[in-house]
Amino acid sequence: MFLVRRPSSPQIARFIDGSRALPLSYQPEGLARAGADGFRVDEQIVPVGSGPAAFARAVTALTEWRHFELGWVELFPARAPVVPGTVVAVAIAHLGFWSLNGCRVLYPTGEASGSTFGFAYGTLPNHAESGEELFEVGLDRHTGEVSYRIRAVSRPRATLARLASPYTRLLQARFRRESALAVRRAIDGR
């Protein structure tokens, strides 16, 4: 959904309500794990901290969706539960307009008490793109390094997203970079 101004709270609530019964915009579920023909795979793994305490804060950052605290990207509802079936709306400010994009949390990866934790969400038909995105933090038990991983498997769905593919690709790369910085800020307590 493309808008000329920032979506209002009632618009976002209606959008989320209307998204709950929608199917995924692709098949099969699990693209972020394996990829698929016709989809781009973008992956970034970035060190964001060190030690078990930093890992615990990184897990909290993911469960609170702090990796979406970027200013030009907003997640609704804020602090949505990271459990399969949760539907969220991602609002993105573009070049003078906004898009509202529906996603559903699909599956967890790892567990908070282990050395990796994360989740994947998939796009709904009211999202400009089609595919899955995996968000994961990991603790290397040997070095103590905490890393943040994003793996996106996607293709443009909306006509505007296809026509503006070079710009869309720049936004996706910007999101990966800034999302890692947001996790690092959350670990540092900022």
N, C-alpha and C. Protein backbone atom coordinates (compact mmCIF):
# COMPACT_ATOMS: atom_id res chain seq x y z
N MET A 1 0.84 -1.16 0.00
CA MET A 1 0.00 0.00 0.00
C MET A 1 0.90 1.24 0.00
N PHE A 2 0.72 2.11 -0.96
CA PHE A 2 1.50 3.33 -1.06
C PHE A 2 0.64 4.52 -0.65
N LEU A 3 1.23 5.45 0.11
CA LEU A 3 0.50 6.58 0.67
C LEU A 3 1.27 7.87 0.44
N VAL A 4 0.57 9.00 0.32
CA VAL A 4 1.23 10.28 0.10
C VAL A 4 1.74 10.89 1.41
N ARG A 5 1.27 10.39 2.55
CA ARG A 5 1.75 10.87 3.85
C ARG A 5 1.86 9.70 4.81
N ARG A 6 2.49 9.97 5.95
CA ARG A 6 2.66 8.94 6.98
C ARG A 6 1.29 8.37 7.35
N PRO A 7 1.16 7.03 7.41
CA PRO A 7 -0.13 6.45 7.75
C PRO A 7 -0.55 6.81 9.18
N SER A 8 -1.84 7.04 9.36
CA SER A 8 -2.37 7.36 10.68
C SER A 8 -2.56 6.07 11.49
N SER A 9 -2.72 6.20 12.78
CA SER A 9 -2.95 5.04 13.65
C SER A 9 -4.18 4.24 13.21
N PRO A 10 -5.32 4.90 12.90
CA PRO A 10 -6.47 4.13 12.43
C PRO A 10 -6.20 3.39 11.10
N GLN A 11 -5.46 4.03 10.19
CA GLN A 11 -5.11 3.35 8.92
C GLN A 11 -4.27 2.11 9.19
N ILE A 12 -3.31 2.25 10.08
CA ILE A 12 -2.43 1.12 10.40
C ILE A 12 -3.22 0.00 11.06
N ALA A 13 -4.11 0.34 11.98
CA ALA A 13 -4.93 -0.68 12.65
C ALA A 13 -5.79 -1.43 11.63
N ARG A 14 -6.43 -0.70 10.70
CA ARG A 14 -7.25 -1.35 9.65
C ARG A 14 -6.38 -2.23 8.76
N PHE A 15 -5.19 -1.73 8.42
CA PHE A 15 -4.27 -2.49 7.57
C PHE A 15 -3.90 -3.81 8.25
N ILE A 16 -3.53 -3.76 9.52
CA ILE A 16 -3.16 -4.98 10.24
C ILE A 16 -4.35 -5.93 10.35
N ASP A 17 -5.52 -5.40 10.70
CA ASP A 17 -6.71 -6.24 10.80
C ASP A 17 -7.00 -6.93 9.47
N GLY A 18 -6.89 -6.19 8.37
CA GLY A 18 -7.13 -6.76 7.05
C GLY A 18 -6.06 -7.73 6.59
N SER A 19 -4.91 -7.70 7.24
CA SER A 19 -3.78 -8.56 6.85
C SER A 19 -3.82 -9.93 7.53
N ARG A 20 -4.51 -10.04 8.63
CA ARG A 20 -4.45 -11.26 9.45
C ARG A 20 -4.84 -12.52 8.69
N ALA A 21 -5.82 -12.45 7.82
CA ALA A 21 -6.30 -13.65 7.11
C ALA A 21 -5.61 -13.86 5.76
N LEU A 22 -4.72 -12.95 5.39
CA LEU A 22 -4.06 -13.07 4.08
C LEU A 22 -3.05 -14.21 4.07
N PRO A 23 -2.89 -14.87 2.94
CA PRO A 23 -1.86 -15.90 2.81
C PRO A 23 -0.50 -15.23 2.56
N LEU A 24 0.54 -16.01 2.59
CA LEU A 24 1.86 -15.50 2.20
C LEU A 24 1.82 -15.16 0.71
N SER A 25 2.69 -14.26 0.28
CA SER A 25 2.71 -13.84 -1.13
C SER A 25 3.63 -14.71 -1.98
N TYR A 26 4.06 -15.83 -1.46
CA TYR A 26 5.01 -16.71 -2.14
C TYR A 26 4.82 -18.12 -1.57
N GLN A 27 5.43 -19.06 -2.22
CA GLN A 27 5.50 -20.44 -1.73
C GLN A 27 6.85 -21.00 -2.15
N PRO A 28 7.42 -21.90 -1.43
CA PRO A 28 6.98 -22.45 -0.16
C PRO A 28 7.53 -21.63 1.01
N GLU A 29 6.92 -21.77 2.17
CA GLU A 29 7.45 -21.16 3.38
C GLU A 29 8.83 -21.77 3.64
N GLY A 30 9.75 -20.95 4.14
CA GLY A 30 11.10 -21.43 4.42
C GLY A 30 12.14 -20.93 3.43
N LEU A 31 11.78 -19.95 2.59
CA LEU A 31 12.72 -19.41 1.59
C LEU A 31 14.01 -18.90 2.22
N ALA A 32 13.90 -18.29 3.40
CA ALA A 32 15.10 -17.70 4.02
C ALA A 32 16.12 -18.78 4.39
N ARG A 33 15.67 -19.98 4.57
CA ARG A 33 16.59 -21.08 4.88
C ARG A 33 17.33 -21.58 3.66
N ALA A 34 16.62 -21.66 2.51
CA ALA A 34 17.20 -22.33 1.35
C ALA A 34 17.28 -21.49 0.09
N GLY A 35 16.52 -20.41 -0.01
CA GLY A 35 16.46 -19.66 -1.26
C GLY A 35 15.55 -20.36 -2.25
N ALA A 36 15.36 -19.77 -3.42
CA ALA A 36 14.51 -20.36 -4.46
C ALA A 36 14.79 -19.68 -5.78
N ASP A 37 14.53 -20.38 -6.86
CA ASP A 37 14.70 -19.81 -8.20
C ASP A 37 13.80 -18.58 -8.34
N GLY A 38 14.34 -17.54 -8.95
CA GLY A 38 13.59 -16.32 -9.20
C GLY A 38 13.60 -15.33 -8.05
N PHE A 39 14.28 -15.67 -6.95
CA PHE A 39 14.38 -14.79 -5.79
C PHE A 39 15.84 -14.38 -5.58
N ARG A 40 16.05 -13.13 -5.18
CA ARG A 40 17.40 -12.65 -4.83
C ARG A 40 17.69 -13.06 -3.39
N VAL A 41 18.93 -13.40 -3.13
CA VAL A 41 19.36 -13.72 -1.76
C VAL A 41 20.37 -12.66 -1.34
N ASP A 42 20.06 -11.96 -0.25
CA ASP A 42 20.97 -10.97 0.32
C ASP A 42 21.23 -11.38 1.76
N GLU A 43 22.50 -11.48 2.11
CA GLU A 43 22.84 -11.86 3.48
C GLU A 43 23.95 -10.97 4.00
N GLN A 44 23.80 -10.61 5.25
CA GLN A 44 24.81 -9.79 5.92
C GLN A 44 24.99 -10.33 7.33
N ILE A 45 26.24 -10.54 7.73
CA ILE A 45 26.57 -10.94 9.09
C ILE A 45 27.57 -9.93 9.62
N VAL A 46 27.21 -9.28 10.74
CA VAL A 46 28.00 -8.18 11.27
C VAL A 46 28.27 -8.40 12.76
N PRO A 47 29.53 -8.23 13.21
CA PRO A 47 29.77 -8.29 14.65
C PRO A 47 29.14 -7.07 15.32
N VAL A 48 28.44 -7.32 16.44
CA VAL A 48 27.73 -6.24 17.13
C VAL A 48 28.08 -6.14 18.61
N GLY A 49 28.88 -7.06 19.11
CA GLY A 49 29.23 -7.03 20.53
C GLY A 49 30.10 -8.21 20.90
N SER A 50 30.30 -8.35 22.21
CA SER A 50 31.15 -9.43 22.70
C SER A 50 30.67 -9.91 24.06
N GLY A 51 30.59 -11.22 24.21
CA GLY A 51 30.29 -11.84 25.49
C GLY A 51 28.83 -12.21 25.68
N PRO A 52 28.59 -13.07 26.68
CA PRO A 52 27.23 -13.55 26.95
C PRO A 52 26.25 -12.43 27.31
N ALA A 53 26.69 -11.40 28.03
CA ALA A 53 25.78 -10.30 28.39
C ALA A 53 25.34 -9.55 27.13
N ALA A 54 26.26 -9.33 26.21
CA ALA A 54 25.92 -8.67 24.95
C ALA A 54 24.97 -9.53 24.13
N PHE A 55 25.19 -10.85 24.15
CA PHE A 55 24.28 -11.75 23.44
C PHE A 55 22.88 -11.66 24.03
N ALA A 56 22.77 -11.66 25.35
CA ALA A 56 21.46 -11.56 26.01
C ALA A 56 20.76 -10.25 25.62
N ARG A 57 21.52 -9.16 25.56
CA ARG A 57 20.93 -7.88 25.15
C ARG A 57 20.54 -7.91 23.67
N ALA A 58 21.30 -8.61 22.85
CA ALA A 58 20.97 -8.73 21.43
C ALA A 58 19.68 -9.54 21.25
N VAL A 59 19.50 -10.59 22.05
CA VAL A 59 18.26 -11.37 22.00
C VAL A 59 17.08 -10.47 22.37
N THR A 60 17.24 -9.70 23.44
CA THR A 60 16.19 -8.77 23.84
C THR A 60 15.90 -7.77 22.73
N ALA A 61 16.94 -7.27 22.08
CA ALA A 61 16.76 -6.31 20.99
C ALA A 61 15.89 -6.91 19.88
N LEU A 62 16.14 -8.17 19.52
CA LEU A 62 15.31 -8.79 18.47
C LEU A 62 13.88 -8.99 18.94
N THR A 63 13.69 -9.47 20.18
CA THR A 63 12.33 -9.72 20.64
C THR A 63 11.54 -8.43 20.79
N GLU A 64 12.23 -7.30 20.94
CA GLU A 64 11.57 -5.99 21.03
C GLU A 64 11.57 -5.26 19.69
N TRP A 65 12.04 -5.92 18.63
CA TRP A 65 12.07 -5.34 17.28
C TRP A 65 12.92 -4.06 17.24
N ARG A 66 13.94 -3.97 18.07
CA ARG A 66 14.78 -2.77 18.10
C ARG A 66 15.54 -2.60 16.78
N HIS A 67 15.72 -3.68 16.04
CA HIS A 67 16.41 -3.60 14.74
C HIS A 67 15.60 -2.83 13.71
N PHE A 68 14.36 -2.45 14.04
CA PHE A 68 13.53 -1.64 13.16
C PHE A 68 13.48 -0.19 13.60
N GLU A 69 14.20 0.18 14.64
CA GLU A 69 14.19 1.56 15.13
C GLU A 69 15.19 2.40 14.32
N LEU A 70 14.75 2.81 13.14
CA LEU A 70 15.64 3.48 12.20
C LEU A 70 15.21 4.90 11.84
N GLY A 71 14.03 5.30 12.23
CA GLY A 71 13.55 6.63 11.87
C GLY A 71 12.74 6.62 10.58
N TRP A 72 13.28 6.09 9.52
CA TRP A 72 12.58 6.05 8.24
C TRP A 72 11.81 4.74 8.05
N VAL A 73 11.97 3.81 8.98
CA VAL A 73 11.23 2.54 9.00
C VAL A 73 10.57 2.43 10.37
N GLU A 74 9.29 2.06 10.40
CA GLU A 74 8.59 1.87 11.66
C GLU A 74 7.84 0.56 11.62
N LEU A 75 7.77 -0.11 12.76
CA LEU A 75 7.06 -1.38 12.87
C LEU A 75 5.84 -1.20 13.75
N PHE A 76 4.72 -1.80 13.33
CA PHE A 76 3.47 -1.74 14.08
C PHE A 76 2.89 -3.14 14.21
N PRO A 77 2.34 -3.53 15.34
CA PRO A 77 2.42 -2.78 16.58
C PRO A 77 3.84 -2.84 17.15
N ALA A 78 4.22 -1.77 17.83
CA ALA A 78 5.54 -1.73 18.45
C ALA A 78 5.64 -2.88 19.45
N ARG A 79 6.77 -3.53 19.49
CA ARG A 79 7.03 -4.63 20.43
C ARG A 79 6.06 -5.80 20.24
N ALA A 80 5.65 -6.04 19.00
CA ALA A 80 4.77 -7.18 18.71
C ALA A 80 5.44 -8.48 19.15
N PRO A 81 4.67 -9.46 19.61
CA PRO A 81 5.28 -10.73 20.02
C PRO A 81 5.99 -11.41 18.84
N VAL A 82 7.15 -11.95 19.10
CA VAL A 82 7.92 -12.65 18.07
C VAL A 82 7.55 -14.13 18.14
N VAL A 83 6.31 -14.42 17.77
CA VAL A 83 5.81 -15.79 17.77
C VAL A 83 5.14 -16.07 16.43
N PRO A 84 5.23 -17.29 15.93
CA PRO A 84 4.61 -17.61 14.65
C PRO A 84 3.13 -17.20 14.63
N GLY A 85 2.76 -16.57 13.53
CA GLY A 85 1.39 -16.10 13.34
C GLY A 85 1.19 -14.63 13.60
N THR A 86 2.12 -13.98 14.30
CA THR A 86 1.99 -12.55 14.57
C THR A 86 2.08 -11.77 13.26
N VAL A 87 1.11 -10.88 13.04
CA VAL A 87 1.10 -10.04 11.84
C VAL A 87 1.55 -8.64 12.23
N VAL A 88 2.46 -8.10 11.43
CA VAL A 88 2.97 -6.75 11.66
C VAL A 88 2.87 -5.94 10.37
N ALA A 89 2.89 -4.62 10.55
CA ALA A 89 2.94 -3.70 9.41
C ALA A 89 4.26 -2.95 9.50
N VAL A 90 4.95 -2.87 8.38
CA VAL A 90 6.20 -2.13 8.29
C VAL A 90 5.92 -0.89 7.44
N ALA A 91 6.07 0.28 8.06
CA ALA A 91 5.88 1.55 7.35
C ALA A 91 7.26 2.08 6.96
N ILE A 92 7.39 2.48 5.71
CA ILE A 92 8.68 2.96 5.19
C ILE A 92 8.48 4.30 4.52
N ALA A 93 9.31 5.28 4.91
CA ALA A 93 9.32 6.58 4.25
C ALA A 93 10.23 6.50 3.04
N HIS A 94 9.69 6.88 1.89
CA HIS A 94 10.44 6.85 0.63
C HIS A 94 10.71 8.29 0.20
N LEU A 95 10.84 8.50 -1.07
CA LEU A 95 11.09 9.82 -1.64
C LEU A 95 9.79 10.63 -1.67
N GLY A 96 9.35 11.13 -0.52
CA GLY A 96 8.14 11.93 -0.48
C GLY A 96 6.85 11.16 -0.33
N PHE A 97 6.91 9.86 -0.16
CA PHE A 97 5.70 9.08 0.08
C PHE A 97 6.04 7.95 1.04
N TRP A 98 5.03 7.22 1.46
CA TRP A 98 5.17 6.11 2.41
C TRP A 98 4.63 4.84 1.79
N SER A 99 5.15 3.71 2.26
CA SER A 99 4.52 2.43 1.93
C SER A 99 4.22 1.73 3.24
N LEU A 100 3.17 0.94 3.23
CA LEU A 100 2.76 0.12 4.36
C LEU A 100 2.77 -1.31 3.86
N ASN A 101 3.50 -2.18 4.57
CA ASN A 101 3.77 -3.53 4.08
C ASN A 101 3.45 -4.56 5.15
N GLY A 102 2.65 -5.57 4.79
CA GLY A 102 2.25 -6.60 5.74
C GLY A 102 3.19 -7.79 5.76
N CYS A 103 3.49 -8.28 6.99
CA CYS A 103 4.35 -9.45 7.18
C CYS A 103 3.79 -10.32 8.29
N ARG A 104 4.15 -11.59 8.27
CA ARG A 104 3.75 -12.53 9.33
C ARG A 104 4.99 -13.24 9.85
N VAL A 105 5.13 -13.28 11.18
CA VAL A 105 6.22 -14.04 11.79
C VAL A 105 5.95 -15.52 11.50
N LEU A 106 6.97 -16.23 11.02
CA LEU A 106 6.79 -17.61 10.57
C LEU A 106 7.40 -18.66 11.48
N TYR A 107 8.67 -18.51 11.80
CA TYR A 107 9.33 -19.56 12.57
C TYR A 107 10.52 -18.99 13.33
N PRO A 108 10.83 -19.60 14.47
CA PRO A 108 12.02 -19.19 15.23
C PRO A 108 13.25 -19.92 14.72
N THR A 109 14.41 -19.37 15.07
CA THR A 109 15.67 -20.07 14.84
C THR A 109 16.43 -20.05 16.16
N GLY A 110 17.04 -21.14 16.52
CA GLY A 110 17.79 -21.21 17.77
C GLY A 110 16.89 -20.96 18.96
N GLU A 111 17.52 -20.66 20.08
CA GLU A 111 16.78 -20.32 21.29
C GLU A 111 17.64 -19.41 22.15
N ALA A 112 16.99 -18.57 22.92
CA ALA A 112 17.69 -17.55 23.71
C ALA A 112 18.70 -18.17 24.67
N SER A 113 18.45 -19.39 25.14
CA SER A 113 19.38 -20.03 26.08
C SER A 113 20.55 -20.70 25.37
N GLY A 114 20.54 -20.75 24.05
CA GLY A 114 21.62 -21.37 23.29
C GLY A 114 22.62 -20.34 22.80
N SER A 115 23.17 -20.59 21.62
CA SER A 115 24.14 -19.65 21.08
C SER A 115 23.63 -18.91 19.84
N THR A 116 22.41 -19.21 19.42
CA THR A 116 21.77 -18.44 18.35
C THR A 116 20.30 -18.22 18.71
N PHE A 117 19.77 -17.10 18.27
CA PHE A 117 18.36 -16.81 18.47
C PHE A 117 17.91 -15.92 17.33
N GLY A 118 16.73 -16.19 16.84
CA GLY A 118 16.18 -15.33 15.80
C GLY A 118 14.81 -15.79 15.36
N PHE A 119 14.37 -15.18 14.27
CA PHE A 119 13.07 -15.53 13.70
C PHE A 119 13.05 -15.06 12.25
N ALA A 120 12.10 -15.60 11.52
CA ALA A 120 11.88 -15.17 10.14
C ALA A 120 10.46 -14.70 10.00
N TYR A 121 10.27 -13.71 9.12
CA TYR A 121 8.92 -13.34 8.76
C TYR A 121 8.78 -13.39 7.25
N GLY A 122 7.54 -13.55 6.81
CA GLY A 122 7.24 -13.64 5.39
C GLY A 122 6.30 -12.53 4.97
N THR A 123 6.37 -12.18 3.71
CA THR A 123 5.54 -11.09 3.19
C THR A 123 4.14 -11.58 2.84
N LEU A 124 3.19 -10.67 2.99
CA LEU A 124 1.81 -10.91 2.61
C LEU A 124 1.54 -10.21 1.28
N PRO A 125 0.42 -10.48 0.63
CA PRO A 125 0.16 -9.87 -0.68
C PRO A 125 0.07 -8.34 -0.67
N ASN A 126 -0.05 -7.72 0.50
CA ASN A 126 -0.09 -6.26 0.57
C ASN A 126 1.29 -5.66 0.87
N HIS A 127 2.33 -6.40 0.59
CA HIS A 127 3.73 -5.95 0.74
C HIS A 127 4.28 -5.67 -0.66
N ALA A 128 5.13 -4.65 -0.78
CA ALA A 128 5.70 -4.29 -2.09
C ALA A 128 6.63 -5.37 -2.63
N GLU A 129 7.24 -6.15 -1.73
CA GLU A 129 8.14 -7.24 -2.11
C GLU A 129 7.46 -8.57 -1.80
N SER A 130 8.06 -9.65 -2.26
CA SER A 130 7.59 -10.99 -1.97
C SER A 130 8.78 -11.79 -1.49
N GLY A 131 8.65 -12.44 -0.31
CA GLY A 131 9.73 -13.27 0.18
C GLY A 131 9.81 -13.31 1.69
N GLU A 132 10.95 -13.77 2.19
CA GLU A 132 11.18 -13.93 3.62
C GLU A 132 12.43 -13.20 4.04
N GLU A 133 12.43 -12.84 5.32
CA GLU A 133 13.61 -12.22 5.91
C GLU A 133 13.85 -12.86 7.27
N LEU A 134 15.10 -13.24 7.49
CA LEU A 134 15.53 -13.88 8.73
C LEU A 134 16.39 -12.89 9.51
N PHE A 135 16.09 -12.74 10.79
CA PHE A 135 16.86 -11.88 11.70
C PHE A 135 17.40 -12.79 12.80
N GLU A 136 18.71 -12.78 13.00
CA GLU A 136 19.30 -13.73 13.95
C GLU A 136 20.54 -13.13 14.61
N VAL A 137 20.69 -13.42 15.89
CA VAL A 137 21.90 -13.06 16.61
C VAL A 137 22.57 -14.35 17.05
N GLY A 138 23.90 -14.31 17.11
CA GLY A 138 24.65 -15.50 17.50
C GLY A 138 25.81 -15.16 18.40
N LEU A 139 26.16 -16.10 19.24
CA LEU A 139 27.31 -15.97 20.13
C LEU A 139 28.30 -17.06 19.78
N ASP A 140 29.51 -16.66 19.38
CA ASP A 140 30.58 -17.62 19.12
C ASP A 140 31.17 -18.00 20.48
N ARG A 141 30.96 -19.22 20.91
CA ARG A 141 31.39 -19.67 22.24
C ARG A 141 32.91 -19.67 22.40
N HIS A 142 33.65 -19.70 21.29
CA HIS A 142 35.13 -19.71 21.36
C HIS A 142 35.71 -18.31 21.47
N THR A 143 35.19 -17.39 20.66
CA THR A 143 35.76 -16.04 20.63
C THR A 143 34.96 -15.04 21.48
N GLY A 144 33.71 -15.37 21.77
CA GLY A 144 32.85 -14.46 22.50
C GLY A 144 32.16 -13.43 21.62
N GLU A 145 32.46 -13.44 20.32
CA GLU A 145 31.87 -12.45 19.42
C GLU A 145 30.36 -12.67 19.26
N VAL A 146 29.61 -11.57 19.31
CA VAL A 146 28.18 -11.59 19.06
C VAL A 146 27.97 -11.02 17.66
N SER A 147 27.24 -11.73 16.84
CA SER A 147 26.99 -11.28 15.48
C SER A 147 25.49 -11.14 15.23
N TYR A 148 25.17 -10.29 14.27
CA TYR A 148 23.80 -10.07 13.83
C TYR A 148 23.73 -10.46 12.37
N ARG A 149 22.77 -11.30 12.05
CA ARG A 149 22.63 -11.81 10.68
C ARG A 149 21.26 -11.45 10.13
N ILE A 150 21.26 -10.93 8.92
CA ILE A 150 20.02 -10.76 8.16
C ILE A 150 20.19 -11.55 6.87
N ARG A 151 19.20 -12.36 6.57
CA ARG A 151 19.18 -13.09 5.30
C ARG A 151 17.82 -12.85 4.67
N ALA A 152 17.81 -12.16 3.55
CA ALA A 152 16.57 -11.84 2.85
C ALA A 152 16.54 -12.56 1.51
N VAL A 153 15.42 -13.20 1.24
CA VAL A 153 15.19 -13.87 -0.03
C VAL A 153 13.93 -13.23 -0.59
N SER A 154 14.09 -12.45 -1.67
CA SER A 154 12.96 -11.64 -2.12
C SER A 154 12.98 -11.38 -3.61
N ARG A 155 11.84 -10.87 -4.07
CA ARG A 155 11.69 -10.34 -5.43
C ARG A 155 10.61 -9.28 -5.37
N PRO A 156 10.66 -8.30 -6.28
CA PRO A 156 9.62 -7.26 -6.29
C PRO A 156 8.25 -7.88 -6.59
N ARG A 157 7.22 -7.41 -5.91
CA ARG A 157 5.86 -7.87 -6.15
C ARG A 157 5.02 -6.75 -6.77
N ALA A 158 5.01 -5.59 -6.15
CA ALA A 158 4.22 -4.46 -6.65
C ALA A 158 4.87 -3.87 -7.90
N THR A 159 4.04 -3.34 -8.78
CA THR A 159 4.53 -2.74 -10.02
C THR A 159 5.55 -1.64 -9.73
N LEU A 160 5.24 -0.77 -8.77
CA LEU A 160 6.16 0.32 -8.43
C LEU A 160 7.50 -0.23 -7.92
N ALA A 161 7.46 -1.30 -7.16
CA ALA A 161 8.70 -1.90 -6.66
C ALA A 161 9.52 -2.49 -7.81
N ARG A 162 8.84 -3.06 -8.81
CA ARG A 162 9.56 -3.60 -9.98
C ARG A 162 10.16 -2.47 -10.80
N LEU A 163 9.38 -1.41 -11.03
CA LEU A 163 9.87 -0.29 -11.84
C LEU A 163 11.02 0.45 -11.16
N ALA A 164 10.96 0.52 -9.85
CA ALA A 164 12.00 1.23 -9.09
C ALA A 164 12.99 0.26 -8.46
N SER A 165 13.22 -0.85 -9.09
CA SER A 165 14.07 -1.90 -8.51
C SER A 165 15.46 -1.41 -8.07
N PRO A 166 16.16 -0.59 -8.86
CA PRO A 166 17.46 -0.11 -8.37
C PRO A 166 17.35 0.68 -7.05
N TYR A 167 16.32 1.51 -6.94
CA TYR A 167 16.10 2.27 -5.71
C TYR A 167 15.71 1.34 -4.56
N THR A 168 14.84 0.38 -4.86
CA THR A 168 14.43 -0.59 -3.85
C THR A 168 15.63 -1.36 -3.32
N ARG A 169 16.53 -1.74 -4.20
CA ARG A 169 17.74 -2.48 -3.79
C ARG A 169 18.60 -1.61 -2.87
N LEU A 170 18.69 -0.30 -3.17
CA LEU A 170 19.44 0.61 -2.29
C LEU A 170 18.79 0.70 -0.91
N LEU A 171 17.46 0.77 -0.86
CA LEU A 171 16.75 0.81 0.43
C LEU A 171 16.98 -0.48 1.22
N GLN A 172 16.96 -1.61 0.54
CA GLN A 172 17.18 -2.88 1.22
C GLN A 172 18.59 -2.94 1.81
N ALA A 173 19.59 -2.49 1.06
CA ALA A 173 20.97 -2.47 1.57
C ALA A 173 21.09 -1.50 2.73
N ARG A 174 20.43 -0.35 2.62
CA ARG A 174 20.44 0.62 3.72
C ARG A 174 19.81 0.01 4.98
N PHE A 175 18.70 -0.69 4.80
CA PHE A 175 18.06 -1.33 5.95
C PHE A 175 19.00 -2.31 6.62
N ARG A 176 19.69 -3.14 5.84
CA ARG A 176 20.62 -4.12 6.44
C ARG A 176 21.70 -3.41 7.25
N ARG A 177 22.29 -2.38 6.69
CA ARG A 177 23.35 -1.65 7.41
C ARG A 177 22.83 -0.99 8.68
N GLU A 178 21.75 -0.24 8.55
CA GLU A 178 21.24 0.51 9.69
C GLU A 178 20.60 -0.38 10.75
N SER A 179 20.05 -1.50 10.33
CA SER A 179 19.48 -2.45 11.28
C SER A 179 20.57 -3.01 12.18
N ALA A 180 21.73 -3.32 11.61
CA ALA A 180 22.86 -3.80 12.41
C ALA A 180 23.31 -2.73 13.40
N LEU A 181 23.34 -1.49 12.97
CA LEU A 181 23.70 -0.39 13.88
C LEU A 181 22.68 -0.25 15.00
N ALA A 182 21.40 -0.47 14.70
CA ALA A 182 20.36 -0.39 15.73
C ALA A 182 20.54 -1.49 16.77
N VAL A 183 20.92 -2.68 16.33
CA VAL A 183 21.18 -3.78 17.29
C VAL A 183 22.38 -3.41 18.15
N ARG A 184 23.42 -2.87 17.53
CA ARG A 184 24.60 -2.47 18.29
C ARG A 184 24.24 -1.40 19.33
N ARG A 185 23.42 -0.42 18.95
CA ARG A 185 22.97 0.61 19.90
C ARG A 185 22.20 -0.02 21.07
N ALA A 186 21.34 -0.98 20.75
CA ALA A 186 20.56 -1.65 21.81
C ALA A 186 21.47 -2.42 22.76
N ILE A 187 22.48 -3.06 22.24
CA ILE A 187 23.44 -3.79 23.08
C ILE A 187 24.19 -2.82 24.00
N ASP A 188 24.54 -1.66 23.43
CA ASP A 188 25.28 -0.67 24.21
C ASP A 188 24.39 0.12 25.15
N GLY A 189 23.09 -0.12 25.12
CA GLY A 189 22.17 0.58 26.02
C GLY A 189 21.79 1.96 25.56
N ARG A 190 21.94 2.22 24.27
CA ARG A 190 21.57 3.54 23.74
C ARG A 190 20.24 3.50 23.03
